[in-house]
Amino acid sequence: MLACYPPNGTRYVRHLDNVCSGGAGARCNGRRATAVYYLNPPAEDPTHGALRLFSPGLPTSPPLVDIEPLADRLLPFLSDQ
C-alpha cells in the first residue's frame, strides 16, 4: 500500500497492521512485516509525519517513541506487535 497525506493534520489512528495470534485468527491477514519509507523533505516541526510506536498491551498505553520523518529513512517493523 502506498499512502500520501497532505500537511494539514491528517494521520493514521493507532492500530496494528495485522491483528493476529500466532498466525491464526478471524482477523489475521497474513502480513508479517510493515515498512514506512519517508520520501519527503524534513518538516519544520519534527513531530509532523512522525511514526509513533506503542508497547503491546492496552490501547491506552503511552507511546514508547516518536520516530522523526527524515527523508530517505526506512522503518521496518513487525505488523502484529
Protein backbone atom coordinates (compact mmCIF):
# COMPACT_ATOMS: atom_id res chain seq x y z
CA MET A 1 0.00 0.00 0.00
CA LEU A 2 1.22 3.50 -0.78
CA ALA A 3 -0.10 6.50 1.10
CA CYS A 4 0.48 10.22 0.82
CA TYR A 5 -1.03 12.65 3.29
CA PRO A 6 -1.40 16.43 2.97
CA PRO A 7 0.26 18.55 5.66
CA ASN A 8 -2.96 19.53 7.44
CA GLY A 9 -3.07 17.19 10.42
CA THR A 10 -4.17 14.08 8.50
CA ARG A 11 -2.96 10.91 10.24
CA TYR A 12 -3.46 7.26 10.92
CA VAL A 13 -5.13 6.38 14.19
CA ARG A 14 -3.38 3.91 16.47
CA HIS A 15 -3.66 0.41 15.01
CA LEU A 16 -1.94 -2.89 14.21
CA ASP A 17 -1.39 -3.76 10.56
CA ASN A 18 -2.25 -7.37 11.34
CA VAL A 19 -4.49 -8.48 14.19
CA CYS A 20 -3.23 -11.99 14.65
CA SER A 21 -2.31 -14.51 17.30
CA GLY A 22 0.37 -16.97 16.26
CA GLY A 23 -0.50 -16.66 12.57
CA ALA A 24 -4.17 -17.53 13.03
CA GLY A 25 -7.45 -15.86 13.81
CA ALA A 26 -10.52 -14.39 12.15
CA ARG A 27 -8.83 -11.01 11.56
CA CYS A 28 -5.43 -12.42 10.54
CA ASN A 29 -4.37 -11.08 7.13
CA GLY A 30 -1.03 -12.90 6.82
CA ARG A 31 1.10 -9.76 6.93
CA ARG A 32 4.27 -10.28 8.96
CA ALA A 33 6.22 -7.08 8.37
CA THR A 34 5.47 -3.46 7.54
CA ALA A 35 7.83 -0.75 6.32
CA VAL A 36 7.50 3.01 6.21
CA TYR A 37 9.77 4.92 3.84
CA TYR A 38 9.95 8.69 4.03
CA LEU A 39 10.44 10.40 0.67
CA ASN A 40 9.57 13.89 1.87
CA PRO A 41 11.94 16.67 2.88
CA PRO A 42 12.07 17.31 6.64
CA ALA A 43 9.09 19.13 8.13
CA GLU A 44 9.53 22.32 10.13
CA ASP A 45 8.06 20.51 13.13
CA PRO A 46 9.77 17.09 13.56
CA THR A 47 6.57 15.61 15.02
CA HIS A 48 4.68 16.18 11.74
CA GLY A 49 4.69 12.84 9.95
CA ALA A 50 6.43 11.01 12.79
CA LEU A 51 5.85 7.31 13.31
CA ARG A 52 4.55 6.82 16.85
CA LEU A 53 5.26 3.38 18.33
CA PHE A 54 3.49 1.95 21.36
CA SER A 55 4.24 -1.01 23.60
CA PRO A 56 1.98 -4.02 23.17
CA GLY A 57 -0.97 -4.14 25.50
CA LEU A 58 -3.70 -1.76 26.47
CA PRO A 59 -4.83 0.73 23.81
CA THR A 60 -4.39 3.47 26.41
CA SER A 61 -0.68 2.86 26.98
CA PRO A 62 1.55 5.88 26.34
CA PRO A 63 3.76 5.99 23.25
CA LEU A 64 7.24 4.48 23.53
CA VAL A 65 8.82 6.71 20.92
CA ASP A 66 8.10 9.09 18.04
CA ILE A 67 10.43 8.50 15.10
CA GLU A 68 11.20 11.66 13.17
CA PRO A 69 10.24 11.58 9.46
CA LEU A 70 13.64 12.18 7.84
CA ALA A 71 13.94 11.94 4.06
CA ASP A 72 15.32 8.60 2.83
CA ARG A 73 14.58 6.87 6.15
CA LEU A 74 13.27 3.29 6.06
CA LEU A 75 11.46 1.95 9.15
CA PRO A 76 10.70 -1.79 9.08
CA PHE A 77 8.73 -3.34 11.95
CA LEU A 78 6.61 -6.39 12.78
CA SER A 79 2.97 -6.00 11.74
CA ASP A 80 1.34 -7.78 14.65
CA GLN A 81 3.10 -6.14 17.61
